[in-house]
């Protein structure tokens, strides 16, 4: 579990980017390619968030009712 406030904020920001990539949320000025790059860059630059990003991706894509999702 994350104790650092900045890491918690980063985890929430990454989750918002994942939602936007999946089409469940909109973020102005960011295309799918830019969102994917931002998510991977955040994971690459912050190793503590890598597991969190993986879990968020698993949760978001499991039992997703959308017939097509571009991953």
PDB file of N, CA and C in Angstrom:
ATOM      1  N   UNK A   1       0.843  -1.182   0.000  1.00  0.00           N
ATOM      2  CA  UNK A   1       0.000   0.000   0.000  1.00  0.00           C
ATOM      3  C   UNK A   1       0.887   1.243   0.000  1.00  0.00           C
ATOM      4  N   UNK A   2       0.413   2.226  -0.697  1.00  0.00           N
ATOM      5  CA  UNK A   2       1.211   3.431  -0.843  1.00  0.00           C
ATOM      6  C   UNK A   2       0.931   4.394   0.302  1.00  0.00           C
ATOM      7  N   UNK A   3       1.989   4.894   0.902  1.00  0.00           N
ATOM      8  CA  UNK A   3       1.881   5.835   2.013  1.00  0.00           C
ATOM      9  C   UNK A   3       2.101   7.277   1.548  1.00  0.00           C
ATOM     10  N   UNK A   4       2.860   7.438   0.499  1.00  0.00           N
ATOM     11  CA  UNK A   4       3.228   8.757   0.012  1.00  0.00           C
ATOM     12  C   UNK A   4       2.048   9.407  -0.708  1.00  0.00           C
ATOM     13  N   UNK A   5       1.746  10.643  -0.343  1.00  0.00           N
ATOM     14  CA  UNK A   5       0.605  11.348  -0.960  1.00  0.00           C
ATOM     15  C   UNK A   5       0.791  11.570  -2.449  1.00  0.00           C
ATOM     16  N   UNK A   6       2.008  11.907  -2.864  1.00  0.00           N
ATOM     17  CA  UNK A   6       2.264  12.132  -4.292  1.00  0.00           C
ATOM     18  C   UNK A   6       2.048  10.850  -5.084  1.00  0.00           C
ATOM     19  N   UNK A   7       2.464   9.718  -4.546  1.00  0.00           N
ATOM     20  CA  UNK A   7       2.238   8.445  -5.232  1.00  0.00           C
ATOM     21  C   UNK A   7       0.753   8.151  -5.348  1.00  0.00           C
ATOM     22  N   UNK A   8      -0.010   8.470  -4.325  1.00  0.00           N
ATOM     23  CA  UNK A   8      -1.463   8.266  -4.384  1.00  0.00           C
ATOM     24  C   UNK A   8      -2.073   9.139  -5.473  1.00  0.00           C
ATOM     25  N   UNK A   9      -1.621  10.384  -5.552  1.00  0.00           N
ATOM     26  CA  UNK A   9      -2.128  11.286  -6.605  1.00  0.00           C
ATOM     27  C   UNK A   9      -1.746  10.764  -7.985  1.00  0.00           C
ATOM     28  N   UNK A  10      -0.510  10.288  -8.101  1.00  0.00           N
ATOM     29  CA  UNK A  10      -0.058   9.747  -9.387  1.00  0.00           C
ATOM     30  C   UNK A  10      -0.885   8.521  -9.781  1.00  0.00           C
ATOM     31  N   UNK A  11      -1.205   7.673  -8.805  1.00  0.00           N
ATOM     32  CA  UNK A  11      -2.013   6.483  -9.087  1.00  0.00           C
ATOM     33  C   UNK A  11      -3.401   6.882  -9.581  1.00  0.00           C
ATOM     34  N   UNK A  12      -3.980   7.899  -8.979  1.00  0.00           N
ATOM     35  CA  UNK A  12      -5.296   8.384  -9.409  1.00  0.00           C
ATOM     36  C   UNK A  12      -5.206   8.985 -10.806  1.00  0.00           C
ATOM     37  N   UNK A  13      -4.151   9.753 -11.063  1.00  0.00           N
ATOM     38  CA  UNK A  13      -3.960  10.347 -12.395  1.00  0.00           C
ATOM     39  C   UNK A  13      -3.803   9.276 -13.467  1.00  0.00           C
ATOM     40  N   UNK A  14      -3.048   8.232 -13.157  1.00  0.00           N
ATOM     41  CA  UNK A  14      -2.863   7.141 -14.109  1.00  0.00           C
ATOM     42  C   UNK A  14      -4.194   6.440 -14.366  1.00  0.00           C
ATOM     43  N   UNK A  15      -4.982   6.231 -13.307  1.00  0.00           N
ATOM     44  CA  UNK A  15      -6.271   5.594 -13.496  1.00  0.00           C
ATOM     45  C   UNK A  15      -7.183   6.442 -14.379  1.00  0.00           C
ATOM     46  N   UNK A  16      -7.145   7.742 -14.218  1.00  0.00           N
ATOM     47  CA  UNK A  16      -7.928   8.627 -15.085  1.00  0.00           C
ATOM     48  C   UNK A  16      -7.469   8.513 -16.534  1.00  0.00           C
ATOM     49  N   UNK A  17      -6.155   8.388 -16.732  1.00  0.00           N
ATOM     50  CA  UNK A  17      -5.637   8.221 -18.095  1.00  0.00           C
ATOM     51  C   UNK A  17      -6.077   6.879 -18.679  1.00  0.00           C
ATOM     52  N   UNK A  18      -6.097   5.835 -17.850  1.00  0.00           N
ATOM     53  CA  UNK A  18      -6.557   4.520 -18.317  1.00  0.00           C
ATOM     54  C   UNK A  18      -8.030   4.590 -18.697  1.00  0.00           C
ATOM     55  N   UNK A  19      -8.836   5.254 -17.877  1.00  0.00           N
ATOM     56  CA  UNK A  19     -10.259   5.421 -18.201  1.00  0.00           C
ATOM     57  C   UNK A  19     -10.433   6.173 -19.517  1.00  0.00           C
ATOM     58  N   UNK A  20      -9.625   7.200 -19.724  1.00  0.00           N
ATOM     59  CA  UNK A  20      -9.709   7.968 -20.970  1.00  0.00           C
ATOM     60  C   UNK A  20      -9.290   7.115 -22.158  1.00  0.00           C
ATOM     61  N   UNK A  21      -8.254   6.324 -21.986  1.00  0.00           N
ATOM     62  CA  UNK A  21      -7.802   5.447 -23.064  1.00  0.00           C
ATOM     63  C   UNK A  21      -8.882   4.437 -23.428  1.00  0.00           C
ATOM     64  N   UNK A  22      -9.593   3.941 -22.420  1.00  0.00           N
ATOM     65  CA  UNK A  22     -10.644   2.954 -22.641  1.00  0.00           C
ATOM     66  C   UNK A  22     -11.924   3.593 -23.178  1.00  0.00           C
ATOM     67  N   UNK A  23     -11.993   4.924 -23.174  1.00  0.00           N
ATOM     68  CA  UNK A  23     -13.164   5.609 -23.697  1.00  0.00           C
ATOM     69  C   UNK A  23     -14.236   5.867 -22.665  1.00  0.00           C
ATOM     70  N   UNK A  24     -13.940   5.635 -21.391  1.00  0.00           N
ATOM     71  CA  UNK A  24     -14.915   5.857 -20.325  1.00  0.00           C
ATOM     72  C   UNK A  24     -14.845   7.265 -19.758  1.00  0.00           C
ATOM     73  N   UNK A  25     -13.870   8.037 -20.193  1.00  0.00           N
ATOM     74  CA  UNK A  25     -13.676   9.390 -19.701  1.00  0.00           C
ATOM     75  C   UNK A  25     -12.970  10.171 -20.805  1.00  0.00           C
ATOM     76  N   UNK A  26     -13.096  11.479 -20.794  1.00  0.00           N
ATOM     77  CA  UNK A  26     -12.393  12.277 -21.791  1.00  0.00           C
ATOM     78  C   UNK A  26     -11.373  13.176 -21.102  1.00  0.00           C
ATOM     79  N   UNK A  27     -10.252  13.322 -21.757  1.00  0.00           N
ATOM     80  CA  UNK A  27      -9.220  14.252 -21.309  1.00  0.00           C
ATOM     81  C   UNK A  27      -8.861  15.081 -22.526  1.00  0.00           C
ATOM     82  N   UNK A  28      -9.049  16.363 -22.425  1.00  0.00           N
ATOM     83  CA  UNK A  28      -8.811  17.251 -23.568  1.00  0.00           C
ATOM     84  C   UNK A  28      -7.358  17.237 -24.002  1.00  0.00           C
ATOM     85  N   UNK A  29      -7.164  17.234 -25.302  1.00  0.00           N
ATOM     86  CA  UNK A  29      -5.836  17.370 -25.866  1.00  0.00           C
ATOM     87  C   UNK A  29      -5.001  16.110 -25.850  1.00  0.00           C
ATOM     88  N   UNK A  30      -5.591  14.986 -25.505  1.00  0.00           N
ATOM     89  CA  UNK A  30      -4.820  13.739 -25.471  1.00  0.00           C
ATOM     90  C   UNK A  30      -5.482  12.687 -26.348  1.00  0.00           C
ATOM     91  N   UNK A  31      -4.733  12.208 -27.292  1.00  0.00           N
ATOM     92  CA  UNK A  31      -5.202  11.125 -28.151  1.00  0.00           C
ATOM     93  C   UNK A  31      -4.897   9.795 -27.464  1.00  0.00           C
ATOM     94  N   UNK A  32      -5.395   8.694 -28.051  1.00  0.00           N
ATOM     95  CA  UNK A  32      -5.115   7.374 -27.488  1.00  0.00           C
ATOM     96  C   UNK A  32      -3.623   7.102 -27.456  1.00  0.00           C
ATOM     97  N   UNK A  33      -2.925   7.510 -28.518  1.00  0.00           N
ATOM     98  CA  UNK A  33      -1.483   7.294 -28.571  1.00  0.00           C
ATOM     99  C   UNK A  33      -0.761   8.070 -27.463  1.00  0.00           C
ATOM    100  N   UNK A  34      -1.167   9.308 -27.260  1.00  0.00           N
ATOM    101  CA  UNK A  34      -0.552  10.141 -26.218  1.00  0.00           C
ATOM    102  C   UNK A  34      -0.852   9.569 -24.830  1.00  0.00           C
ATOM    103  N   UNK A  35      -2.072   9.111 -24.621  1.00  0.00           N
ATOM    104  CA  UNK A  35      -2.424   8.515 -23.331  1.00  0.00           C
ATOM    105  C   UNK A  35      -1.615   7.257 -23.064  1.00  0.00           C
ATOM    106  N   UNK A  36      -1.495   6.400 -24.065  1.00  0.00           N
ATOM    107  CA  UNK A  36      -0.710   5.176 -23.911  1.00  0.00           C
ATOM    108  C   UNK A  36       0.746   5.512 -23.594  1.00  0.00           C
ATOM    109  N   UNK A  37       1.294   6.501 -24.270  1.00  0.00           N
ATOM    110  CA  UNK A  37       2.664   6.921 -24.011  1.00  0.00           C
ATOM    111  C   UNK A  37       2.806   7.485 -22.597  1.00  0.00           C
ATOM    112  N   UNK A  38       1.847   8.297 -22.171  1.00  0.00           N
ATOM    113  CA  UNK A  38       1.892   8.877 -20.828  1.00  0.00           C
ATOM    114  C   UNK A  38       1.810   7.810 -19.735  1.00  0.00           C
ATOM    115  N   UNK A  39       0.956   6.817 -19.942  1.00  0.00           N
ATOM    116  CA  UNK A  39       0.811   5.729 -18.966  1.00  0.00           C
ATOM    117  C   UNK A  39       2.114   4.936 -18.862  1.00  0.00           C
ATOM    118  N   UNK A  40       2.670   4.578 -20.010  1.00  0.00           N
ATOM    119  CA  UNK A  40       3.914   3.791 -19.982  1.00  0.00           C
ATOM    120  C   UNK A  40       5.081   4.614 -19.456  1.00  0.00           C
ATOM    121  N   UNK A  41       5.143   5.868 -19.804  1.00  0.00           N
ATOM    122  CA  UNK A  41       6.215   6.727 -19.309  1.00  0.00           C
ATOM    123  C   UNK A  41       6.136   6.864 -17.792  1.00  0.00           C
ATOM    124  N   UNK A  42       4.924   7.005 -17.277  1.00  0.00           N
ATOM    125  CA  UNK A  42       4.746   7.121 -15.820  1.00  0.00           C
ATOM    126  C   UNK A  42       5.209   5.839 -15.128  1.00  0.00           C
ATOM    127  N   UNK A  43       4.870   4.703 -15.688  1.00  0.00           N
ATOM    128  CA  UNK A  43       5.309   3.437 -15.119  1.00  0.00           C
ATOM    129  C   UNK A  43       6.811   3.251 -15.219  1.00  0.00           C
ATOM    130  N   UNK A  44       7.379   3.691 -16.321  1.00  0.00           N
ATOM    131  CA  UNK A  44       8.818   3.561 -16.518  1.00  0.00           C
ATOM    132  C   UNK A  44       9.585   4.470 -15.559  1.00  0.00           C
ATOM    133  N   UNK A  45       9.097   5.689 -15.367  1.00  0.00           N
ATOM    134  CA  UNK A  45       9.818   6.656 -14.540  1.00  0.00           C
ATOM    135  C   UNK A  45       9.538   6.500 -13.041  1.00  0.00           C
ATOM    136  N   UNK A  46       8.442   5.817 -12.697  1.00  0.00           N
ATOM    137  CA  UNK A  46       8.091   5.621 -11.294  1.00  0.00           C
ATOM    138  C   UNK A  46       7.878   4.127 -11.048  1.00  0.00           C
ATOM    139  N   UNK A  47       8.952   3.398 -10.751  1.00  0.00           N
ATOM    140  CA  UNK A  47       8.852   1.939 -10.595  1.00  0.00           C
ATOM    141  C   UNK A  47       7.838   1.490  -9.544  1.00  0.00           C
ATOM    142  N   UNK A  48       7.608   2.296  -8.531  1.00  0.00           N
ATOM    143  CA  UNK A  48       6.656   1.925  -7.477  1.00  0.00           C
ATOM    144  C   UNK A  48       5.241   1.822  -8.042  1.00  0.00           C
ATOM    145  N   UNK A  49       4.953   2.561  -9.103  1.00  0.00           N
ATOM    146  CA  UNK A  49       3.609   2.565  -9.694  1.00  0.00           C
ATOM    147  C   UNK A  49       3.372   1.433 -10.692  1.00  0.00           C
ATOM    148  N   UNK A  50       4.396   0.705 -11.066  1.00  0.00           N
ATOM    149  CA  UNK A  50       4.243  -0.311 -12.114  1.00  0.00           C
ATOM    150  C   UNK A  50       3.209  -1.366 -11.753  1.00  0.00           C
ATOM    151  N   UNK A  51       3.270  -1.892 -10.541  1.00  0.00           N
ATOM    152  CA  UNK A  51       2.282  -2.890 -10.126  1.00  0.00           C
ATOM    153  C   UNK A  51       0.882  -2.286 -10.085  1.00  0.00           C
ATOM    154  N   UNK A  52       0.792  -1.045  -9.614  1.00  0.00           N
ATOM    155  CA  UNK A  52      -0.504  -0.372  -9.541  1.00  0.00           C
ATOM    156  C   UNK A  52      -1.095  -0.198 -10.941  1.00  0.00           C
ATOM    157  N   UNK A  53      -0.281   0.192 -11.901  1.00  0.00           N
ATOM    158  CA  UNK A  53      -0.745   0.359 -13.283  1.00  0.00           C
ATOM    159  C   UNK A  53      -1.229  -0.974 -13.836  1.00  0.00           C
ATOM    160  N   UNK A  54      -0.468  -2.019 -13.587  1.00  0.00           N
ATOM    161  CA  UNK A  54      -0.851  -3.355 -14.053  1.00  0.00           C
ATOM    162  C   UNK A  54      -2.200  -3.778 -13.465  1.00  0.00           C
ATOM    163  N   UNK A  55      -2.375  -3.580 -12.174  1.00  0.00           N
ATOM    164  CA  UNK A  55      -3.633  -3.951 -11.510  1.00  0.00           C
ATOM    165  C   UNK A  55      -4.788  -3.126 -12.063  1.00  0.00           C
ATOM    166  N   UNK A  56      -4.569  -1.831 -12.256  1.00  0.00           N
ATOM    167  CA  UNK A  56      -5.620  -0.977 -12.792  1.00  0.00           C
ATOM    168  C   UNK A  56      -6.020  -1.430 -14.194  1.00  0.00           C
ATOM    169  N   UNK A  57      -5.043  -1.779 -15.020  1.00  0.00           N
ATOM    170  CA  UNK A  57      -5.348  -2.264 -16.369  1.00  0.00           C
ATOM    171  C   UNK A  57      -6.137  -3.574 -16.316  1.00  0.00           C
ATOM    172  N   UNK A  58      -5.740  -4.473 -15.425  1.00  0.00           N
ATOM    173  CA  UNK A  58      -6.469  -5.747 -15.275  1.00  0.00           C
ATOM    174  C   UNK A  58      -7.910  -5.502 -14.851  1.00  0.00           C
ATOM    175  N   UNK A  59      -8.107  -4.655 -13.864  1.00  0.00           N
ATOM    176  CA  UNK A  59      -9.456  -4.372 -13.375  1.00  0.00           C
ATOM    177  C   UNK A  59     -10.310  -3.700 -14.440  1.00  0.00           C
ATOM    178  N   UNK A  60      -9.710  -2.809 -15.197  1.00  0.00           N
ATOM    179  CA  UNK A  60     -10.473  -2.062 -16.197  1.00  0.00           C
ATOM    180  C   UNK A  60     -10.862  -2.938 -17.378  1.00  0.00           C
ATOM    181  N   UNK A  61     -10.048  -3.917 -17.720  1.00  0.00           N
ATOM    182  CA  UNK A  61     -10.337  -4.731 -18.896  1.00  0.00           C
ATOM    183  C   UNK A  61     -11.087  -6.025 -18.576  1.00  0.00           C
ATOM    184  N   UNK A  62     -11.129  -6.437 -17.318  1.00  0.00           N
ATOM    185  CA  UNK A  62     -11.835  -7.658 -16.928  1.00  0.00           C
ATOM    186  C   UNK A  62     -13.340  -7.403 -16.925  1.00  0.00           C
ATOM    187  N   UNK A  63     -14.073  -8.278 -17.576  1.00  0.00           N
ATOM    188  CA  UNK A  63     -15.536  -8.184 -17.656  1.00  0.00           C
ATOM    189  C   UNK A  63     -16.012  -6.861 -18.231  1.00  0.00           C
ATOM    190  N   UNK A  64     -15.240  -6.278 -19.123  1.00  0.00           N
ATOM    191  CA  UNK A  64     -15.640  -5.037 -19.773  1.00  0.00           C
ATOM    192  C   UNK A  64     -16.747  -5.380 -20.773  1.00  0.00           C
ATOM    193  N   UNK A  65     -17.855  -4.698 -20.683  1.00  0.00           N
ATOM    194  CA  UNK A  65     -19.018  -5.003 -21.527  1.00  0.00           C
ATOM    195  C   UNK A  65     -18.894  -4.446 -22.946  1.00  0.00           C
ATOM    196  N   UNK A  66     -17.885  -3.647 -23.187  1.00  0.00           N
ATOM    197  CA  UNK A  66     -17.727  -3.100 -24.538  1.00  0.00           C
ATOM    198  C   UNK A  66     -17.269  -4.206 -25.483  1.00  0.00           C
ATOM    199  N   UNK A  67     -17.886  -4.293 -26.652  1.00  0.00           N
ATOM    200  CA  UNK A  67     -17.519  -5.374 -27.600  1.00  0.00           C
ATOM    201  C   UNK A  67     -16.122  -5.174 -28.188  1.00  0.00           C
ATOM    202  N   UNK A  68     -15.659  -3.934 -28.301  1.00  0.00           N
ATOM    203  CA  UNK A  68     -14.355  -3.679 -28.898  1.00  0.00           C
ATOM    204  C   UNK A  68     -13.647  -2.628 -28.084  1.00  0.00           C
ATOM    205  N   UNK A  69     -12.451  -2.932 -27.682  1.00  0.00           N
ATOM    206  CA  UNK A  69     -11.593  -1.976 -27.003  1.00  0.00           C
ATOM    207  C   UNK A  69     -10.230  -2.048 -27.663  1.00  0.00           C
ATOM    208  N   UNK A  70      -9.696  -0.908 -28.056  1.00  0.00           N
ATOM    209  CA  UNK A  70      -8.413  -0.902 -28.756  1.00  0.00           C
ATOM    210  C   UNK A  70      -7.268  -0.851 -27.763  1.00  0.00           C
ATOM    211  N   UNK A  71      -6.705  -2.006 -27.464  1.00  0.00           N
ATOM    212  CA  UNK A  71      -5.539  -2.047 -26.573  1.00  0.00           C
ATOM    213  C   UNK A  71      -4.307  -2.376 -27.355  1.00  0.00           C
TER     214      UNK A  71
END
